Amino acid sequence: MPKALCLFSLVASILVASLFLLDALGAMLGQTGLAILGGVSLLMDITFIVLAGIMAFLSWLTYKQQR
C-alpha cells in the first residue's frame, strides 16, 4: 500500500506541474487557448511548478526506500 501511495503522489505532482507549466507557457506566449487557468499569475504558476517538482522528488525518494 505505501508503494501505491508513493506512485499516486508522483503521478499527481507530475499532473500538477504539467498543468501549471502549460498555463505559464500560454501566458508568456499570449496564447489564451493554451493558458488553461487563464494565465492570471505567472508567479503562482512558477511557485506551483517548483513545489510540484519538490513533491515528485520526495515521493520518488520515498518510493525507492520502500523497495
C-alpha atoms as a PDB file:
ATOM      1  CA  MET A   1       0.000   0.000   0.000  1.00  0.00           C
ATOM      2  CA  PRO A   2       2.756   2.550   0.755  1.00  0.00           C
ATOM      3  CA  LYS A   3       4.247   1.954  -2.707  1.00  0.00           C
ATOM      4  CA  ALA A   4       0.901   2.726  -4.322  1.00  0.00           C
ATOM      5  CA  LEU A   5       0.589   5.945  -2.339  1.00  0.00           C
ATOM      6  CA  CYS A   6       4.091   6.996  -3.384  1.00  0.00           C
ATOM      7  CA  LEU A   7       3.292   6.338  -7.037  1.00  0.00           C
ATOM      8  CA  PHE A   8      -0.039   8.168  -6.755  1.00  0.00           C
ATOM      9  CA  SER A   9       1.763  11.155  -5.248  1.00  0.00           C
ATOM     10  CA  LEU A  10       4.324  11.061  -8.056  1.00  0.00           C
ATOM     11  CA  VAL A  11       1.648  10.983 -10.765  1.00  0.00           C
ATOM     12  CA  ALA A  12      -0.374  13.728  -9.073  1.00  0.00           C
ATOM     13  CA  SER A  13       2.646  16.014  -8.823  1.00  0.00           C
ATOM     14  CA  ILE A  14       3.527  15.434 -12.479  1.00  0.00           C
ATOM     15  CA  LEU A  15      -0.042  16.325 -13.482  1.00  0.00           C
ATOM     16  CA  VAL A  16       0.008  19.491 -11.362  1.00  0.00           C
ATOM     17  CA  ALA A  17       3.391  20.526 -12.776  1.00  0.00           C
ATOM     18  CA  SER A  18       2.276  19.953 -16.364  1.00  0.00           C
ATOM     19  CA  LEU A  19      -0.980  21.864 -15.790  1.00  0.00           C
ATOM     20  CA  PHE A  20       0.778  24.919 -14.423  1.00  0.00           C
ATOM     21  CA  LEU A  21       3.579  24.654 -16.987  1.00  0.00           C
ATOM     22  CA  LEU A  22       1.023  24.814 -19.796  1.00  0.00           C
ATOM     23  CA  ASP A  23      -0.637  27.764 -18.104  1.00  0.00           C
ATOM     24  CA  ALA A  24       2.674  29.613 -17.730  1.00  0.00           C
ATOM     25  CA  LEU A  25       3.677  28.935 -21.335  1.00  0.00           C
ATOM     26  CA  GLY A  26       0.291  30.076 -22.562  1.00  0.00           C
ATOM     27  CA  ALA A  27       0.543  33.293 -20.576  1.00  0.00           C
ATOM     28  CA  MET A  28       4.073  34.031 -21.783  1.00  0.00           C
ATOM     29  CA  LEU A  29       3.262  33.296 -25.426  1.00  0.00           C
ATOM     30  CA  GLY A  30      -0.042  35.154 -25.346  1.00  0.00           C
ATOM     31  CA  GLN A  31      -1.995  32.063 -26.366  1.00  0.00           C
ATOM     32  CA  THR A  32      -5.285  32.187 -24.485  1.00  0.00           C
ATOM     33  CA  GLY A  33      -6.231  28.691 -25.639  1.00  0.00           C
ATOM     34  CA  LEU A  34      -3.033  27.240 -24.166  1.00  0.00           C
ATOM     35  CA  ALA A  35      -3.391  29.041 -20.829  1.00  0.00           C
ATOM     36  CA  ILE A  36      -5.719  26.566 -19.156  1.00  0.00           C
ATOM     37  CA  LEU A  37      -6.119  28.545 -15.936  1.00  0.00           C
ATOM     38  CA  GLY A  38      -6.273  31.891 -17.708  1.00  0.00           C
ATOM     39  CA  GLY A  39      -2.623  32.816 -17.227  1.00  0.00           C
ATOM     40  CA  VAL A  40      -3.507  35.208 -14.430  1.00  0.00           C
ATOM     41  CA  SER A  41      -0.377  34.988 -12.282  1.00  0.00           C
ATOM     42  CA  LEU A  42       2.989  33.898 -13.606  1.00  0.00           C
ATOM     43  CA  LEU A  43       4.441  33.934 -10.076  1.00  0.00           C
ATOM     44  CA  MET A  44       1.770  31.475  -8.930  1.00  0.00           C
ATOM     45  CA  ASP A  45       2.498  29.227 -11.918  1.00  0.00           C
ATOM     46  CA  ILE A  46       6.229  29.169 -11.188  1.00  0.00           C
ATOM     47  CA  THR A  47       5.607  28.513  -7.487  1.00  0.00           C
ATOM     48  CA  PHE A  48       3.332  25.559  -8.191  1.00  0.00           C
ATOM     49  CA  ILE A  49       5.766  24.130 -10.758  1.00  0.00           C
ATOM     50  CA  VAL A  50       8.629  24.275  -8.240  1.00  0.00           C
ATOM     51  CA  LEU A  51       6.525  22.796  -5.438  1.00  0.00           C
ATOM     52  CA  ALA A  52       5.241  20.004  -7.664  1.00  0.00           C
ATOM     53  CA  GLY A  53       8.826  19.217  -8.628  1.00  0.00           C
ATOM     54  CA  ILE A  54       9.804  19.024  -4.960  1.00  0.00           C
ATOM     55  CA  MET A  55       6.827  16.776  -4.256  1.00  0.00           C
ATOM     56  CA  ALA A  56       7.748  14.499  -7.175  1.00  0.00           C
ATOM     57  CA  PHE A  57      11.335  14.292  -5.952  1.00  0.00           C
ATOM     58  CA  LEU A  58      10.306  13.451  -2.390  1.00  0.00           C
ATOM     59  CA  SER A  59       7.779  10.853  -3.494  1.00  0.00           C
ATOM     60  CA  TRP A  60      10.407   9.237  -5.735  1.00  0.00           C
ATOM     61  CA  LEU A  61      12.894   9.078  -2.852  1.00  0.00           C
ATOM     62  CA  THR A  62      10.240   7.559  -0.597  1.00  0.00           C
ATOM     63  CA  TYR A  63       9.310   5.027  -3.270  1.00  0.00           C
ATOM     64  CA  LYS A  64      12.951   3.986  -3.580  1.00  0.00           C
ATOM     65  CA  GLN A  65      13.196   3.498   0.187  1.00  0.00           C
ATOM     66  CA  GLN A  66      10.097   1.267   0.155  1.00  0.00           C
ATOM     67  CA  ARG A  67      11.804  -1.341  -2.027  1.00  0.00           C
END
